[in-house]
Each structure stands twice: as structure tokens, then as C-alpha cells.
C-alpha atoms as a PDB file:
ATOM      1  CA  MET A   1      -0.029  -0.027   0.015  1.00  0.00           C
ATOM      2  CA  ASN A   2       1.220   3.518  -0.782  1.00  0.00           C
ATOM      3  CA  GLN A   3       0.906   6.691   1.319  1.00  0.00           C
ATOM      4  CA  ILE A   4       1.222  10.351   0.554  1.00  0.00           C
ATOM      5  CA  ASN A   5       3.736  12.453   2.471  1.00  0.00           C
ATOM      6  CA  ILE A   6       3.105  16.201   2.343  1.00  0.00           C
ATOM      7  CA  MET A   7       6.024  18.317   3.711  1.00  0.00           C
ATOM      8  CA  LEU A   8       4.802  21.635   5.062  1.00  0.00           C
ATOM      9  CA  HIS A   9       6.679  24.937   5.229  1.00  0.00           C
ATOM     10  CA  ASP A  10       7.440  24.633   9.002  1.00  0.00           C
ATOM     11  CA  GLY A  11       9.181  21.284   8.410  1.00  0.00           C
ATOM     12  CA  THR A  12       6.463  19.144   9.687  1.00  0.00           C
ATOM     13  CA  HIS A  13       4.920  16.297   7.567  1.00  0.00           C
ATOM     14  CA  LEU A  14       1.339  15.109   6.994  1.00  0.00           C
ATOM     15  CA  ILE A  15       1.220  11.431   6.105  1.00  0.00           C
ATOM     16  CA  LEU A  16      -1.918   9.827   4.768  1.00  0.00           C
ATOM     17  CA  ALA A  17      -2.172   6.241   3.819  1.00  0.00           C
ATOM     18  CA  GLU A  18      -4.159   5.247   0.757  1.00  0.00           C
ATOM     19  CA  ASP A  19      -6.925   3.580   2.797  1.00  0.00           C
ATOM     20  CA  GLU A  20      -7.463   6.830   4.823  1.00  0.00           C
ATOM     21  CA  MET A  21      -8.421   8.741   1.782  1.00  0.00           C
ATOM     22  CA  ILE A  22     -11.652   8.508  -0.375  1.00  0.00           C
ATOM     23  CA  GLN A  23      -9.906   9.887  -3.441  1.00  0.00           C
ATOM     24  CA  SER A  24      -6.935   8.316  -5.122  1.00  0.00           C
ATOM     25  CA  ILE A  25      -3.332   9.538  -4.682  1.00  0.00           C
ATOM     26  CA  GLN A  26      -3.185  10.436  -8.368  1.00  0.00           C
ATOM     27  CA  SER A  27      -6.281  12.674  -7.879  1.00  0.00           C
ATOM     28  CA  VAL A  28      -4.659  14.529  -5.033  1.00  0.00           C
ATOM     29  CA  LEU A  29      -1.676  15.141  -7.127  1.00  0.00           C
ATOM     30  CA  ASP A  30      -3.731  16.310 -10.050  1.00  0.00           C
ATOM     31  CA  ASP A  31      -5.689  18.713  -7.705  1.00  0.00           C
ATOM     32  CA  PHE A  32      -2.392  20.081  -6.423  1.00  0.00           C
ATOM     33  CA  GLN A  33      -1.449  21.137  -9.961  1.00  0.00           C
ATOM     34  CA  MET A  34      -4.701  22.818 -10.734  1.00  0.00           C
ATOM     35  CA  PRO A  35      -5.005  26.561 -10.212  1.00  0.00           C
ATOM     36  CA  GLY A  36      -6.477  27.580  -6.865  1.00  0.00           C
ATOM     37  CA  MET A  37      -5.103  28.397  -3.385  1.00  0.00           C
ATOM     38  CA  TYR A  38      -6.254  25.277  -1.543  1.00  0.00           C
ATOM     39  CA  LEU A  39      -5.782  21.525  -1.763  1.00  0.00           C
ATOM     40  CA  ALA A  40      -8.801  19.552  -0.348  1.00  0.00           C
ATOM     41  CA  ILE A  41      -8.287  15.859   0.425  1.00  0.00           C
ATOM     42  CA  ALA A  42     -11.425  13.871   1.139  1.00  0.00           C
ATOM     43  CA  LYS A  43     -11.234  11.372   4.057  1.00  0.00           C
ATOM     44  CA  ASP A  44     -13.501   8.797   5.546  1.00  0.00           C
ATOM     45  CA  TYR A  45     -16.600   9.712   7.365  1.00  0.00           C
ATOM     46  CA  ASP A  46     -17.310  12.920   5.292  1.00  0.00           C
ATOM     47  CA  LYS A  47     -14.278  14.663   6.707  1.00  0.00           C
ATOM     48  CA  GLN A  48     -11.649  16.533   4.635  1.00  0.00           C
ATOM     49  CA  ILE A  49      -8.313  18.132   5.132  1.00  0.00           C
ATOM     50  CA  ILE A  50      -7.809  21.552   3.483  1.00  0.00           C
ATOM     51  CA  LEU A  51      -4.313  22.938   3.038  1.00  0.00           C
ATOM     52  CA  ASN A  52      -3.111  26.205   1.563  1.00  0.00           C
ATOM     53  CA  LYS A  53      -1.006  25.290  -1.435  1.00  0.00           C
ATOM     54  CA  GLU A  54       1.520  28.085  -0.686  1.00  0.00           C
ATOM     55  CA  TYR A  55       2.283  26.208   2.697  1.00  0.00           C
ATOM     56  CA  ILE A  56       3.198  22.986   0.919  1.00  0.00           C
ATOM     57  CA  VAL A  57       6.889  22.434   0.151  1.00  0.00           C
ATOM     58  CA  ALA A  58       6.721  18.986  -1.399  1.00  0.00           C
ATOM     59  CA  ILE A  59       4.352  15.988  -1.987  1.00  0.00           C
ATOM     60  CA  ASN A  60       5.855  12.541  -2.104  1.00  0.00           C
ATOM     61  CA  VAL A  61       4.331   9.219  -2.791  1.00  0.00           C
ATOM     62  CA  GLU A  62       5.995   6.399  -0.991  1.00  0.00           C
ATOM     63  CA  GLU A  63       5.391   2.853   0.178  1.00  0.00           C
ATOM     64  CA  ALA A  64       3.687   2.604   3.544  1.00  0.00           C
ATOM     65  CA  ASP A  65       5.243   0.772   6.452  1.00  0.00           C
ATOM     66  CA  ASN A  66       3.443  -2.333   7.371  1.00  0.00           C
ATOM     67  CA  ASP A  67       4.021  -1.945  11.083  1.00  0.00           C
END
């Protein structure tokens, strides 16, 4: 399983596993490249994370640990 690792401007990381998100990782990457100030990531139970794109330094897709 993959996870998405979003590095924020203050050096912190937001890590979301594929199974925590309703939308696909590719959809998140596509949305990040679209014009607009915010990146919205849909999660389970009608929740979402909204990030200001200017606060995002990098987005990496990596294999999740199976711990």
C-alpha cells in the first residue's frame, strides 16, 4: 500500500495512507497542480483536510510501512 507524504513549510509532515483517503493519490496530485489556493483531500466519514498550497513544500508518494 502507498501513502502520501506532504511536507509543510514549517518542516512538519502530513502522512496519509491510501486507505485513509476517499480519493486516489493520483487525484490528489492532479488537484495540487490545478489553479487555486487550496488543496482539499477527502477522508472517511465525510471529513476532509484543506491545506493552503503556498504552505506545501513537497508531496511525495511512498510505500507505507506495514508496522
